[in-house]
Amino acid sequence: MTSEHGKPYDSPGFHLWQVTNQWQKNLRHALHDLDLTHVQFILLAATQGLNTQSQLEDITQVQIASYAHVDPMMASQVLRHLEKKGFIIRKEHPTDTRAKAISLTLEGERITAQALEIVMEAENIFFARLGEEQETLVNLMRALGNETTQDNN
C-alpha cells in the first residue's frame, strides 16, 4: 500500500500516528508521579469543565464521555476507577433516576488542577519547536476533528 506521497510511511496518517504515540508517551511520563493515565486526566478535566458550566452538579457519565469523545463503556470503567481513588463521587441524579450525577471531590479538584499544570507544561515543551505554526496545527486538527465528528453522526 502506498500513499499519493510515495511510500506508506510518507502518508499523513502514518505521521499522525507517530506524533500521537510520542505525545501519549510524553503524557504518560509527565502524569506518572500523580498515578494518572492520560484518559483519567481527560475525564477528570471533562467532569470539572462540565460541572463548572452546569452549576447544578447534574452531569452524567454519558455527557462526560461525549464531551471527551471517548467510548461510553471505557468512560464507565475509568470513572469507576477514579471513584475508587477518591477523585469523583456519584450521586443520585436530580431528574434522571437511571443516571448518576458525577462530580469531583476536593481531592479530585486538587489532582485535576495539579495535572492540568503538568499537562500544559508538557504541551508547551512538546509543541515549542513549531513556534508560530502551533496555531496552524491547531486549526488543521480542529478541521479534521470537526469532519470526523460530523462523519460519525
N, C-alpha and C. Protein backbone atom coordinates (compact mmCIF):
# COMPACT_ATOMS: atom_id res chain seq x y z
N MET A 1 0.85 -1.19 0.00
CA MET A 1 0.00 0.00 0.00
C MET A 1 0.88 1.23 0.00
N THR A 2 0.64 2.11 -0.92
CA THR A 2 1.40 3.34 -0.98
C THR A 2 0.44 4.51 -0.97
N SER A 3 0.93 5.63 -0.46
CA SER A 3 0.10 6.83 -0.45
C SER A 3 0.41 7.62 -1.70
N GLU A 4 -0.33 8.70 -1.91
CA GLU A 4 -0.05 9.55 -3.05
C GLU A 4 1.32 10.22 -2.90
N HIS A 5 1.89 10.15 -1.68
CA HIS A 5 3.19 10.74 -1.41
C HIS A 5 4.32 9.75 -1.69
N GLY A 6 3.99 8.53 -2.04
CA GLY A 6 5.03 7.54 -2.29
C GLY A 6 4.86 6.34 -1.40
N LYS A 7 5.72 6.21 -0.44
CA LYS A 7 5.71 5.05 0.45
C LYS A 7 4.67 5.23 1.56
N PRO A 8 4.23 4.12 2.17
CA PRO A 8 3.21 4.23 3.24
C PRO A 8 3.65 5.15 4.37
N TYR A 9 4.94 5.13 4.67
CA TYR A 9 5.40 5.96 5.79
C TYR A 9 5.51 7.44 5.42
N ASP A 10 5.12 7.80 4.20
CA ASP A 10 5.04 9.20 3.80
C ASP A 10 3.63 9.75 4.00
N SER A 11 2.68 8.91 4.36
CA SER A 11 1.28 9.34 4.43
C SER A 11 1.03 10.20 5.67
N PRO A 12 0.04 11.11 5.59
CA PRO A 12 -0.31 11.93 6.74
C PRO A 12 -0.77 11.07 7.94
N GLY A 13 -1.50 10.00 7.66
CA GLY A 13 -1.99 9.13 8.73
C GLY A 13 -0.85 8.49 9.51
N PHE A 14 0.18 8.06 8.80
CA PHE A 14 1.33 7.45 9.47
C PHE A 14 2.04 8.47 10.37
N HIS A 15 2.22 9.68 9.86
CA HIS A 15 2.88 10.72 10.67
C HIS A 15 2.02 11.12 11.86
N LEU A 16 0.71 11.19 11.65
CA LEU A 16 -0.20 11.49 12.76
C LEU A 16 -0.10 10.42 13.83
N TRP A 17 -0.05 9.16 13.40
CA TRP A 17 0.08 8.05 14.33
C TRP A 17 1.38 8.16 15.13
N GLN A 18 2.48 8.45 14.44
CA GLN A 18 3.77 8.58 15.12
C GLN A 18 3.76 9.71 16.14
N VAL A 19 3.25 10.88 15.74
CA VAL A 19 3.22 12.03 16.64
C VAL A 19 2.29 11.75 17.82
N THR A 20 1.15 11.12 17.55
CA THR A 20 0.22 10.79 18.63
C THR A 20 0.87 9.85 19.64
N ASN A 21 1.58 8.85 19.16
CA ASN A 21 2.27 7.93 20.07
C ASN A 21 3.32 8.65 20.90
N GLN A 22 4.07 9.55 20.28
CA GLN A 22 5.09 10.30 21.03
C GLN A 22 4.44 11.20 22.07
N TRP A 23 3.34 11.85 21.68
CA TRP A 23 2.60 12.73 22.60
C TRP A 23 2.08 11.93 23.80
N GLN A 24 1.49 10.76 23.53
CA GLN A 24 0.97 9.93 24.61
C GLN A 24 2.10 9.43 25.51
N LYS A 25 3.22 9.08 24.94
CA LYS A 25 4.38 8.66 25.74
C LYS A 25 4.83 9.79 26.66
N ASN A 26 4.90 11.00 26.13
CA ASN A 26 5.29 12.15 26.95
C ASN A 26 4.29 12.38 28.09
N LEU A 27 3.00 12.25 27.80
CA LEU A 27 2.00 12.47 28.84
C LEU A 27 2.01 11.36 29.88
N ARG A 28 2.23 10.12 29.45
CA ARG A 28 2.35 9.03 30.44
C ARG A 28 3.48 9.34 31.41
N HIS A 29 4.59 9.78 30.86
CA HIS A 29 5.74 10.12 31.70
C HIS A 29 5.43 11.32 32.61
N ALA A 30 4.81 12.34 32.06
CA ALA A 30 4.51 13.56 32.82
C ALA A 30 3.52 13.29 33.96
N LEU A 31 2.53 12.43 33.72
CA LEU A 31 1.48 12.17 34.72
C LEU A 31 1.81 11.01 35.66
N HIS A 32 2.93 10.36 35.42
CA HIS A 32 3.31 9.17 36.19
C HIS A 32 3.33 9.42 37.69
N ASP A 33 3.95 10.50 38.12
CA ASP A 33 4.07 10.78 39.56
C ASP A 33 2.73 11.03 40.23
N LEU A 34 1.72 11.43 39.46
CA LEU A 34 0.38 11.63 40.02
C LEU A 34 -0.44 10.33 39.98
N ASP A 35 0.14 9.27 39.42
CA ASP A 35 -0.55 7.99 39.26
C ASP A 35 -1.85 8.17 38.47
N LEU A 36 -1.74 8.96 37.39
CA LEU A 36 -2.87 9.18 36.50
C LEU A 36 -2.49 8.78 35.08
N THR A 37 -3.45 8.22 34.37
CA THR A 37 -3.27 8.00 32.94
C THR A 37 -3.80 9.23 32.22
N HIS A 38 -3.49 9.31 30.94
CA HIS A 38 -3.98 10.43 30.15
C HIS A 38 -5.51 10.41 30.09
N VAL A 39 -6.10 9.24 29.90
CA VAL A 39 -7.56 9.14 29.85
C VAL A 39 -8.18 9.55 31.18
N GLN A 40 -7.57 9.15 32.30
CA GLN A 40 -8.08 9.57 33.60
C GLN A 40 -8.06 11.09 33.72
N PHE A 41 -6.95 11.69 33.29
CA PHE A 41 -6.85 13.15 33.33
C PHE A 41 -7.94 13.78 32.46
N ILE A 42 -8.12 13.28 31.25
CA ILE A 42 -9.12 13.84 30.33
C ILE A 42 -10.51 13.77 30.95
N LEU A 43 -10.85 12.64 31.58
CA LEU A 43 -12.19 12.50 32.17
C LEU A 43 -12.34 13.37 33.43
N LEU A 44 -11.28 13.53 34.19
CA LEU A 44 -11.34 14.45 35.34
C LEU A 44 -11.55 15.89 34.85
N ALA A 45 -10.78 16.28 33.83
CA ALA A 45 -10.91 17.63 33.30
C ALA A 45 -12.28 17.85 32.68
N ALA A 46 -12.80 16.85 31.98
CA ALA A 46 -14.13 16.96 31.38
C ALA A 46 -15.19 17.09 32.47
N THR A 47 -15.06 16.30 33.53
CA THR A 47 -16.01 16.37 34.64
C THR A 47 -15.99 17.75 35.26
N GLN A 48 -14.79 18.25 35.49
CA GLN A 48 -14.66 19.59 36.08
C GLN A 48 -15.26 20.65 35.16
N GLY A 49 -14.91 20.59 33.88
CA GLY A 49 -15.40 21.59 32.94
C GLY A 49 -16.92 21.58 32.80
N LEU A 50 -17.49 20.40 32.67
CA LEU A 50 -18.94 20.30 32.53
C LEU A 50 -19.67 20.74 33.79
N ASN A 51 -19.16 20.35 34.95
CA ASN A 51 -19.81 20.77 36.20
C ASN A 51 -19.69 22.26 36.42
N THR A 52 -18.60 22.86 35.96
CA THR A 52 -18.44 24.30 36.07
C THR A 52 -19.48 25.00 35.20
N GLN A 53 -19.72 24.46 34.01
CA GLN A 53 -20.71 25.03 33.10
C GLN A 53 -22.13 24.84 33.63
N SER A 54 -22.39 23.72 34.28
CA SER A 54 -23.74 23.37 34.71
C SER A 54 -24.16 24.06 36.00
N GLN A 55 -23.27 24.11 36.98
CA GLN A 55 -23.56 24.66 38.30
C GLN A 55 -24.61 23.85 39.08
N LEU A 56 -25.21 22.83 38.47
CA LEU A 56 -26.24 22.04 39.14
C LEU A 56 -25.73 20.69 39.63
N GLU A 57 -24.48 20.37 39.32
CA GLU A 57 -23.89 19.07 39.64
C GLU A 57 -24.80 17.94 39.18
N ASP A 58 -25.26 18.05 37.93
CA ASP A 58 -26.14 17.03 37.36
C ASP A 58 -25.53 16.38 36.12
N ILE A 59 -24.21 16.42 36.00
CA ILE A 59 -23.52 15.91 34.83
C ILE A 59 -23.47 14.38 34.92
N THR A 60 -23.81 13.74 33.81
CA THR A 60 -23.85 12.28 33.78
C THR A 60 -22.60 11.71 33.10
N GLN A 61 -22.42 10.43 33.31
CA GLN A 61 -21.32 9.70 32.68
C GLN A 61 -21.39 9.79 31.16
N VAL A 62 -22.57 9.69 30.61
CA VAL A 62 -22.76 9.76 29.16
C VAL A 62 -22.34 11.14 28.65
N GLN A 63 -22.69 12.19 29.37
CA GLN A 63 -22.30 13.54 28.97
C GLN A 63 -20.78 13.70 29.02
N ILE A 64 -20.16 13.15 30.04
CA ILE A 64 -18.70 13.23 30.18
C ILE A 64 -18.02 12.50 29.03
N ALA A 65 -18.49 11.29 28.73
CA ALA A 65 -17.91 10.51 27.63
C ALA A 65 -18.07 11.24 26.30
N SER A 66 -19.24 11.80 26.06
CA SER A 66 -19.50 12.52 24.82
C SER A 66 -18.60 13.76 24.72
N TYR A 67 -18.51 14.51 25.78
CA TYR A 67 -17.70 15.73 25.81
C TYR A 67 -16.22 15.42 25.56
N ALA A 68 -15.75 14.31 26.11
CA ALA A 68 -14.34 13.92 25.98
C ALA A 68 -14.09 13.11 24.72
N HIS A 69 -15.14 12.76 23.98
CA HIS A 69 -15.03 11.94 22.76
C HIS A 69 -14.37 10.59 23.06
N VAL A 70 -14.84 9.93 24.12
CA VAL A 70 -14.36 8.59 24.44
C VAL A 70 -15.54 7.64 24.47
N ASP A 71 -15.25 6.37 24.31
CA ASP A 71 -16.27 5.33 24.34
C ASP A 71 -16.97 5.33 25.70
N PRO A 72 -18.30 5.32 25.72
CA PRO A 72 -19.03 5.35 26.99
C PRO A 72 -18.69 4.19 27.94
N MET A 73 -18.45 3.00 27.40
CA MET A 73 -18.11 1.86 28.26
C MET A 73 -16.73 2.05 28.89
N MET A 74 -15.77 2.57 28.10
CA MET A 74 -14.46 2.84 28.66
C MET A 74 -14.55 3.94 29.71
N ALA A 75 -15.34 4.97 29.42
CA ALA A 75 -15.53 6.05 30.38
C ALA A 75 -16.10 5.51 31.68
N SER A 76 -17.03 4.59 31.59
CA SER A 76 -17.63 3.98 32.78
C SER A 76 -16.57 3.30 33.63
N GLN A 77 -15.71 2.52 32.98
CA GLN A 77 -14.65 1.81 33.72
C GLN A 77 -13.67 2.78 34.35
N VAL A 78 -13.26 3.79 33.59
CA VAL A 78 -12.28 4.75 34.11
C VAL A 78 -12.89 5.57 35.25
N LEU A 79 -14.13 5.99 35.09
CA LEU A 79 -14.78 6.76 36.15
C LEU A 79 -14.95 5.92 37.42
N ARG A 80 -15.26 4.65 37.26
CA ARG A 80 -15.36 3.77 38.41
C ARG A 80 -14.02 3.71 39.16
N HIS A 81 -12.93 3.62 38.38
CA HIS A 81 -11.59 3.59 38.96
C HIS A 81 -11.27 4.92 39.66
N LEU A 82 -11.66 6.03 39.06
CA LEU A 82 -11.43 7.34 39.67
C LEU A 82 -12.25 7.50 40.96
N GLU A 83 -13.41 6.87 40.99
CA GLU A 83 -14.22 6.89 42.21
C GLU A 83 -13.50 6.12 43.33
N LYS A 84 -12.93 4.96 42.98
CA LYS A 84 -12.19 4.17 43.97
C LYS A 84 -10.98 4.94 44.50
N LYS A 85 -10.38 5.76 43.65
CA LYS A 85 -9.23 6.57 44.06
C LYS A 85 -9.65 7.77 44.92
N GLY A 86 -10.95 8.03 44.96
CA GLY A 86 -11.46 9.14 45.76
C GLY A 86 -11.48 10.48 45.03
N PHE A 87 -11.41 10.45 43.69
CA PHE A 87 -11.35 11.69 42.92
C PHE A 87 -12.72 12.17 42.44
N ILE A 88 -13.67 11.26 42.33
CA ILE A 88 -15.02 11.64 41.93
C ILE A 88 -16.03 10.99 42.86
N ILE A 89 -17.23 11.55 42.87
CA ILE A 89 -18.34 10.93 43.59
C ILE A 89 -19.52 10.83 42.63
N ARG A 90 -20.29 9.78 42.84
CA ARG A 90 -21.51 9.58 42.08
C ARG A 90 -22.68 9.71 43.05
N LYS A 91 -23.61 10.58 42.67
CA LYS A 91 -24.81 10.78 43.49
C LYS A 91 -26.04 10.50 42.64
N GLU A 92 -27.15 10.34 43.32
CA GLU A 92 -28.40 10.21 42.58
C GLU A 92 -28.60 11.45 41.72
N HIS A 93 -28.98 11.23 40.47
CA HIS A 93 -29.22 12.35 39.56
C HIS A 93 -30.52 13.03 39.96
N PRO A 94 -30.57 14.35 39.95
CA PRO A 94 -31.77 15.05 40.41
C PRO A 94 -33.02 14.82 39.55
N THR A 95 -32.85 14.49 38.26
CA THR A 95 -34.03 14.35 37.40
C THR A 95 -34.11 13.02 36.67
N ASP A 96 -33.01 12.28 36.57
CA ASP A 96 -32.99 11.02 35.82
C ASP A 96 -32.65 9.88 36.79
N THR A 97 -33.64 9.07 37.12
CA THR A 97 -33.43 8.01 38.11
C THR A 97 -32.49 6.91 37.62
N ARG A 98 -32.30 6.82 36.30
CA ARG A 98 -31.39 5.81 35.75
C ARG A 98 -29.93 6.26 35.79
N ALA A 99 -29.68 7.54 35.93
CA ALA A 99 -28.32 8.09 35.83
C ALA A 99 -27.79 8.51 37.20
N LYS A 100 -26.48 8.64 37.24
CA LYS A 100 -25.81 9.17 38.42
C LYS A 100 -25.20 10.52 38.05
N ALA A 101 -25.27 11.46 38.97
CA ALA A 101 -24.61 12.75 38.79
C ALA A 101 -23.17 12.59 39.26
N ILE A 102 -22.24 13.02 38.46
CA ILE A 102 -20.82 12.81 38.75
C ILE A 102 -20.16 14.17 38.97
N SER A 103 -19.41 14.25 40.06
CA SER A 103 -18.66 15.48 40.35
C SER A 103 -17.34 15.12 40.99
N LEU A 104 -16.44 16.10 41.02
CA LEU A 104 -15.14 15.89 41.63
C LEU A 104 -15.23 16.06 43.14
N THR A 105 -14.42 15.29 43.85
CA THR A 105 -14.23 15.51 45.27
C THR A 105 -13.22 16.64 45.42
N LEU A 106 -12.99 17.08 46.64
CA LEU A 106 -11.95 18.10 46.87
C LEU A 106 -10.59 17.57 46.41
N GLU A 107 -10.32 16.30 46.70
CA GLU A 107 -9.06 15.69 46.25
C GLU A 107 -9.03 15.60 44.73
N GLY A 108 -10.17 15.33 44.11
CA GLY A 108 -10.26 15.30 42.66
C GLY A 108 -9.99 16.67 42.06
N GLU A 109 -10.51 17.71 42.67
CA GLU A 109 -10.23 19.07 42.20
C GLU A 109 -8.75 19.39 42.32
N ARG A 110 -8.13 18.98 43.43
CA ARG A 110 -6.71 19.25 43.65
C ARG A 110 -5.85 18.52 42.62
N ILE A 111 -6.14 17.24 42.42
CA ILE A 111 -5.32 16.45 41.50
C ILE A 111 -5.54 16.91 40.06
N THR A 112 -6.75 17.34 39.72
CA THR A 112 -7.04 17.84 38.37
C THR A 112 -6.27 19.13 38.11
N ALA A 113 -6.26 20.02 39.08
CA ALA A 113 -5.52 21.28 38.92
C ALA A 113 -4.02 21.01 38.78
N GLN A 114 -3.51 20.11 39.59
CA GLN A 114 -2.09 19.76 39.53
C GLN A 114 -1.77 19.10 38.18
N ALA A 115 -2.61 18.19 37.73
CA ALA A 115 -2.39 17.51 36.46
C ALA A 115 -2.48 18.49 35.29
N LEU A 116 -3.39 19.44 35.38
CA LEU A 116 -3.53 20.43 34.31
C LEU A 116 -2.24 21.23 34.14
N GLU A 117 -1.64 21.63 35.24
CA GLU A 117 -0.36 22.35 35.17
C GLU A 117 0.71 21.49 34.51
N ILE A 118 0.77 20.23 34.89
CA ILE A 118 1.77 19.31 34.34
C ILE A 118 1.53 19.09 32.84
N VAL A 119 0.29 18.89 32.45
CA VAL A 119 -0.03 18.66 31.04
C VAL A 119 0.25 19.91 30.21
N MET A 120 -0.08 21.08 30.74
CA MET A 120 0.20 22.31 30.00
C MET A 120 1.70 22.51 29.81
N GLU A 121 2.48 22.20 30.83
CA GLU A 121 3.94 22.30 30.71
C GLU A 121 4.46 21.31 29.66
N ALA A 122 3.96 20.08 29.72
CA ALA A 122 4.37 19.07 28.74
C ALA A 122 3.98 19.50 27.33
N GLU A 123 2.80 20.09 27.20
CA GLU A 123 2.34 20.57 25.90
C GLU A 123 3.23 21.70 25.39
N ASN A 124 3.56 22.63 26.26
CA ASN A 124 4.43 23.74 25.86
C ASN A 124 5.78 23.24 25.36
N ILE A 125 6.34 22.27 26.05
CA ILE A 125 7.63 21.72 25.64
C ILE A 125 7.50 20.96 24.33
N PHE A 126 6.48 20.11 24.24
CA PHE A 126 6.31 19.25 23.05
C PHE A 126 6.10 20.07 21.78
N PHE A 127 5.28 21.11 21.86
CA PHE A 127 4.93 21.87 20.67
C PHE A 127 5.80 23.10 20.45
N ALA A 128 6.74 23.37 21.33
CA ALA A 128 7.58 24.57 21.24
C ALA A 128 8.32 24.65 19.91
N ARG A 129 8.75 23.52 19.39
CA ARG A 129 9.54 23.55 18.15
C ARG A 129 8.72 24.03 16.95
N LEU A 130 7.40 24.07 17.07
CA LEU A 130 6.57 24.58 15.98
C LEU A 130 6.52 26.10 15.95
N GLY A 131 6.86 26.73 17.06
CA GLY A 131 6.82 28.19 17.12
C GLY A 131 5.45 28.72 16.77
N GLU A 132 5.44 29.69 15.86
CA GLU A 132 4.18 30.32 15.47
C GLU A 132 3.27 29.39 14.67
N GLU A 133 3.78 28.27 14.21
CA GLU A 133 2.98 27.32 13.43
C GLU A 133 2.02 26.51 14.31
N GLN A 134 2.12 26.65 15.65
CA GLN A 134 1.21 25.93 16.54
C GLN A 134 -0.25 26.25 16.22
N GLU A 135 -0.53 27.51 15.96
CA GLU A 135 -1.91 27.91 15.66
C GLU A 135 -2.41 27.23 14.38
N THR A 136 -1.54 27.12 13.38
CA THR A 136 -1.90 26.43 12.14
C THR A 136 -2.21 24.98 12.43
N LEU A 137 -1.37 24.32 13.24
CA LEU A 137 -1.60 22.92 13.59
C LEU A 137 -2.94 22.76 14.30
N VAL A 138 -3.22 23.62 15.25
CA VAL A 138 -4.49 23.54 15.99
C VAL A 138 -5.67 23.69 15.03
N ASN A 139 -5.58 24.65 14.12
CA ASN A 139 -6.67 24.85 13.16
C ASN A 139 -6.85 23.63 12.26
N LEU A 140 -5.75 23.04 11.81
CA LEU A 140 -5.84 21.85 10.97
C LEU A 140 -6.45 20.68 11.74
N MET A 141 -6.01 20.48 12.98
CA MET A 141 -6.56 19.38 13.80
C MET A 141 -8.03 19.62 14.10
N ARG A 142 -8.38 20.87 14.37
CA ARG A 142 -9.79 21.21 14.64
C ARG A 142 -10.64 20.88 13.41
N ALA A 143 -10.14 21.21 12.23
CA ALA A 143 -10.88 20.91 10.99
C ALA A 143 -11.04 19.40 10.82
N LEU A 144 -9.99 18.64 11.08
CA LEU A 144 -10.08 17.18 10.98
C LEU A 144 -11.03 16.62 12.04
N GLY A 145 -10.95 17.13 13.24
CA GLY A 145 -11.82 16.68 14.33
C GLY A 145 -13.27 16.97 14.05
N ASN A 146 -13.56 18.15 13.52
CA ASN A 146 -14.94 18.50 13.16
C ASN A 146 -15.45 17.60 12.06
N GLU A 147 -14.63 17.33 11.08
CA GLU A 147 -15.00 16.46 9.96
C GLU A 147 -15.32 15.06 10.50
N THR A 148 -14.43 14.55 11.37
CA THR A 148 -14.61 13.22 11.92
C THR A 148 -15.88 13.15 12.75
N THR A 149 -16.12 14.18 13.56
CA THR A 149 -17.31 14.20 14.40
C THR A 149 -18.57 14.19 13.54
N GLN A 150 -18.57 14.97 12.47
CA GLN A 150 -19.74 15.01 11.59
C GLN A 150 -19.94 13.68 10.88
N ASP A 151 -18.84 13.04 10.47
CA ASP A 151 -18.95 11.76 9.77
C ASP A 151 -19.50 10.67 10.66
N ASN A 152 -19.26 10.77 11.99
CA ASN A 152 -19.68 9.73 12.91
C ASN A 152 -21.12 9.91 13.37
N ASN A 153 -21.76 10.99 13.03
CA ASN A 153 -23.15 11.22 13.46
C ASN A 153 -24.11 10.49 12.59
